[in-house]
Amino acid sequence: MDIDIPKGISVKQETRFGKPCIEGTRIAIVDLLNLLKMGYSIKEIPAQYPGVTLKQVKTALDYAAKIIGKEEVLEINSAG
């Protein structure tokens, strides 16, 4: 899967086991997605992580959308 990592996102094995994070933090993009799942709005997320901006949150979510959009779906034949 070839997706460029945008400025503001880092992927380092030594930080959160290589999960994509907001650059300069240990806040993984999946953490932001979990807040959305719990009902937080995009505008409310920066308040949960002091120092994180709305722009960083939007960059992270845009990156997540690109990753999901590039996923391959494989058909599984369970009939045997």
N, C-alpha and C. Protein backbone atom coordinates (compact mmCIF):
# COMPACT_ATOMS: atom_id res chain seq x y z
N MET A 1 0.86 -1.16 0.00
CA MET A 1 0.00 0.00 0.00
C MET A 1 0.90 1.22 0.00
N ASP A 2 0.78 2.06 -1.01
CA ASP A 2 1.61 3.23 -1.14
C ASP A 2 0.83 4.49 -0.81
N ILE A 3 0.99 4.96 0.41
CA ILE A 3 0.37 6.21 0.82
C ILE A 3 1.46 7.03 1.50
N ASP A 4 1.64 8.25 1.01
CA ASP A 4 2.63 9.12 1.61
C ASP A 4 2.17 9.54 3.00
N ILE A 5 3.10 9.56 3.91
CA ILE A 5 2.80 10.02 5.27
C ILE A 5 2.90 11.54 5.25
N PRO A 6 1.80 12.23 5.57
CA PRO A 6 1.82 13.69 5.49
C PRO A 6 2.64 14.32 6.61
N LYS A 7 3.06 15.56 6.37
CA LYS A 7 3.75 16.32 7.40
C LYS A 7 2.80 16.43 8.59
N GLY A 8 3.32 16.19 9.76
CA GLY A 8 2.49 16.25 10.97
C GLY A 8 2.14 14.88 11.52
N ILE A 9 2.42 13.84 10.74
CA ILE A 9 2.18 12.46 11.18
C ILE A 9 3.52 11.75 11.22
N SER A 10 3.75 10.98 12.25
CA SER A 10 4.99 10.20 12.31
C SER A 10 4.67 8.74 12.56
N VAL A 11 5.51 7.90 11.99
CA VAL A 11 5.39 6.46 12.18
C VAL A 11 6.79 5.97 12.55
N LYS A 12 6.97 5.65 13.83
CA LYS A 12 8.27 5.19 14.33
C LYS A 12 8.05 3.95 15.17
N GLN A 13 8.84 2.94 14.92
CA GLN A 13 8.69 1.68 15.65
C GLN A 13 8.80 1.89 17.16
N GLU A 14 9.64 2.83 17.58
CA GLU A 14 9.85 3.05 19.01
C GLU A 14 8.75 3.87 19.67
N THR A 15 7.82 4.39 18.89
CA THR A 15 6.70 5.17 19.43
C THR A 15 5.40 4.44 19.15
N ARG A 16 4.78 3.96 20.20
CA ARG A 16 3.49 3.26 20.10
C ARG A 16 3.57 2.07 19.13
N PHE A 17 4.72 1.41 19.12
CA PHE A 17 4.93 0.21 18.32
C PHE A 17 4.68 0.42 16.83
N GLY A 18 4.99 1.63 16.37
CA GLY A 18 4.88 1.91 14.94
C GLY A 18 3.52 2.38 14.47
N LYS A 19 2.60 2.61 15.40
CA LYS A 19 1.29 3.13 15.00
C LYS A 19 1.46 4.59 14.56
N PRO A 20 0.73 5.02 13.55
CA PRO A 20 0.80 6.43 13.14
C PRO A 20 0.34 7.33 14.28
N CYS A 21 1.15 8.35 14.55
CA CYS A 21 0.88 9.28 15.65
C CYS A 21 0.97 10.72 15.16
N ILE A 22 0.39 11.62 15.95
CA ILE A 22 0.60 13.04 15.70
C ILE A 22 2.06 13.32 16.00
N GLU A 23 2.75 13.92 15.04
CA GLU A 23 4.18 14.16 15.16
C GLU A 23 4.52 14.88 16.46
N GLY A 24 5.57 14.40 17.12
CA GLY A 24 6.02 15.01 18.36
C GLY A 24 5.25 14.59 19.58
N THR A 25 4.31 13.65 19.41
CA THR A 25 3.51 13.16 20.53
C THR A 25 3.47 11.63 20.50
N ARG A 26 2.85 11.07 21.50
CA ARG A 26 2.59 9.63 21.53
C ARG A 26 1.09 9.39 21.29
N ILE A 27 0.41 10.37 20.73
CA ILE A 27 -1.03 10.27 20.48
C ILE A 27 -1.23 9.60 19.13
N ALA A 28 -1.69 8.36 19.18
CA ALA A 28 -1.92 7.59 17.96
C ALA A 28 -3.23 8.03 17.30
N ILE A 29 -3.27 7.91 15.99
CA ILE A 29 -4.48 8.26 15.26
C ILE A 29 -5.66 7.42 15.75
N VAL A 30 -5.40 6.20 16.11
CA VAL A 30 -6.48 5.34 16.62
C VAL A 30 -7.07 5.93 17.90
N ASP A 31 -6.28 6.66 18.69
CA ASP A 31 -6.81 7.32 19.89
C ASP A 31 -7.86 8.36 19.51
N LEU A 32 -7.59 9.09 18.44
CA LEU A 32 -8.53 10.11 17.97
C LEU A 32 -9.81 9.44 17.46
N LEU A 33 -9.64 8.35 16.72
CA LEU A 33 -10.81 7.63 16.21
C LEU A 33 -11.66 7.09 17.35
N ASN A 34 -11.02 6.64 18.41
CA ASN A 34 -11.77 6.13 19.56
C ASN A 34 -12.56 7.25 20.24
N LEU A 35 -12.01 8.46 20.29
CA LEU A 35 -12.76 9.58 20.85
C LEU A 35 -13.99 9.89 19.99
N LEU A 36 -13.83 9.84 18.68
CA LEU A 36 -14.98 10.05 17.80
C LEU A 36 -16.04 8.98 18.04
N LYS A 37 -15.58 7.75 18.20
CA LYS A 37 -16.50 6.63 18.46
C LYS A 37 -17.27 6.84 19.76
N MET A 38 -16.62 7.48 20.74
CA MET A 38 -17.27 7.73 22.03
C MET A 38 -18.20 8.94 21.99
N GLY A 39 -18.23 9.65 20.85
CA GLY A 39 -19.17 10.75 20.72
C GLY A 39 -18.57 12.14 20.74
N TYR A 40 -17.27 12.24 20.89
CA TYR A 40 -16.62 13.55 20.85
C TYR A 40 -16.71 14.11 19.43
N SER A 41 -16.82 15.43 19.33
CA SER A 41 -16.75 16.06 18.02
C SER A 41 -15.28 16.34 17.70
N ILE A 42 -15.00 16.58 16.44
CA ILE A 42 -13.62 16.88 16.04
C ILE A 42 -13.11 18.10 16.80
N LYS A 43 -13.97 19.08 16.99
CA LYS A 43 -13.57 20.31 17.68
C LYS A 43 -13.29 20.09 19.17
N GLU A 44 -13.85 19.04 19.75
CA GLU A 44 -13.64 18.75 21.17
C GLU A 44 -12.35 17.99 21.44
N ILE A 45 -11.82 17.33 20.44
CA ILE A 45 -10.66 16.47 20.64
C ILE A 45 -9.42 17.21 21.14
N PRO A 46 -9.06 18.38 20.59
CA PRO A 46 -7.85 19.05 21.11
C PRO A 46 -7.88 19.31 22.62
N ALA A 47 -9.05 19.52 23.18
CA ALA A 47 -9.15 19.75 24.63
C ALA A 47 -8.74 18.52 25.44
N GLN A 48 -8.83 17.35 24.82
CA GLN A 48 -8.44 16.11 25.49
C GLN A 48 -6.92 15.91 25.50
N TYR A 49 -6.24 16.61 24.61
CA TYR A 49 -4.79 16.48 24.46
C TYR A 49 -4.17 17.87 24.39
N PRO A 50 -3.84 18.46 25.54
CA PRO A 50 -3.25 19.80 25.53
C PRO A 50 -2.04 19.88 24.59
N GLY A 51 -2.01 20.93 23.81
CA GLY A 51 -0.92 21.13 22.85
C GLY A 51 -1.23 20.63 21.46
N VAL A 52 -2.28 19.83 21.32
CA VAL A 52 -2.69 19.33 20.00
C VAL A 52 -3.70 20.31 19.42
N THR A 53 -3.49 20.65 18.15
CA THR A 53 -4.37 21.62 17.49
C THR A 53 -5.45 20.93 16.67
N LEU A 54 -6.47 21.69 16.35
CA LEU A 54 -7.53 21.19 15.48
C LEU A 54 -6.97 20.82 14.11
N LYS A 55 -6.02 21.58 13.62
CA LYS A 55 -5.39 21.27 12.34
C LYS A 55 -4.69 19.91 12.39
N GLN A 56 -4.00 19.62 13.48
CA GLN A 56 -3.34 18.32 13.62
C GLN A 56 -4.35 17.18 13.64
N VAL A 57 -5.45 17.40 14.33
CA VAL A 57 -6.50 16.38 14.39
C VAL A 57 -7.06 16.13 12.99
N LYS A 58 -7.33 17.19 12.25
CA LYS A 58 -7.86 17.03 10.90
C LYS A 58 -6.87 16.34 9.98
N THR A 59 -5.58 16.66 10.12
CA THR A 59 -4.55 15.99 9.32
C THR A 59 -4.53 14.50 9.63
N ALA A 60 -4.60 14.16 10.91
CA ALA A 60 -4.58 12.76 11.33
C ALA A 60 -5.80 12.00 10.80
N LEU A 61 -6.96 12.62 10.87
CA LEU A 61 -8.17 11.96 10.39
C LEU A 61 -8.18 11.82 8.87
N ASP A 62 -7.64 12.80 8.19
CA ASP A 62 -7.51 12.72 6.74
C ASP A 62 -6.60 11.55 6.35
N TYR A 63 -5.51 11.41 7.07
CA TYR A 63 -4.58 10.30 6.82
C TYR A 63 -5.28 8.96 7.07
N ALA A 64 -6.03 8.87 8.16
CA ALA A 64 -6.75 7.63 8.47
C ALA A 64 -7.74 7.29 7.35
N ALA A 65 -8.44 8.29 6.84
CA ALA A 65 -9.39 8.06 5.76
C ALA A 65 -8.69 7.54 4.51
N LYS A 66 -7.51 8.08 4.22
CA LYS A 66 -6.76 7.61 3.05
C LYS A 66 -6.32 6.17 3.22
N ILE A 67 -5.90 5.81 4.42
CA ILE A 67 -5.49 4.43 4.70
C ILE A 67 -6.68 3.49 4.52
N ILE A 68 -7.80 3.83 5.11
CA ILE A 68 -8.99 2.98 5.00
C ILE A 68 -9.45 2.88 3.55
N GLY A 69 -9.36 3.97 2.83
CA GLY A 69 -9.77 3.98 1.43
C GLY A 69 -8.91 3.11 0.54
N LYS A 70 -7.70 2.81 0.96
CA LYS A 70 -6.79 1.99 0.17
C LYS A 70 -6.81 0.52 0.58
N GLU A 71 -7.58 0.18 1.63
CA GLU A 71 -7.63 -1.21 2.06
C GLU A 71 -8.17 -2.10 0.97
N GLU A 72 -7.61 -3.29 0.90
CA GLU A 72 -8.11 -4.28 -0.04
C GLU A 72 -9.10 -5.17 0.69
N VAL A 73 -10.19 -5.45 0.05
CA VAL A 73 -11.18 -6.34 0.61
C VAL A 73 -11.07 -7.69 -0.09
N LEU A 74 -10.87 -8.71 0.69
CA LEU A 74 -10.73 -10.06 0.12
C LEU A 74 -11.98 -10.85 0.42
N GLU A 75 -12.47 -11.54 -0.58
CA GLU A 75 -13.64 -12.37 -0.41
C GLU A 75 -13.23 -13.67 0.26
N ILE A 76 -13.98 -14.07 1.25
CA ILE A 76 -13.71 -15.31 1.96
C ILE A 76 -14.85 -16.27 1.65
N ASN A 77 -14.51 -17.40 1.11
CA ASN A 77 -15.51 -18.40 0.77
C ASN A 77 -15.59 -19.38 1.93
N SER A 78 -16.63 -19.28 2.72
CA SER A 78 -16.77 -20.16 3.89
C SER A 78 -17.45 -21.48 3.55
N ALA A 79 -17.87 -21.64 2.29
CA ALA A 79 -18.57 -22.86 1.90
C ALA A 79 -17.62 -24.04 1.71
N GLY A 80 -16.36 -23.75 1.73
CA GLY A 80 -15.48 -24.83 1.77
C GLY A 80 -14.58 -25.25 0.78
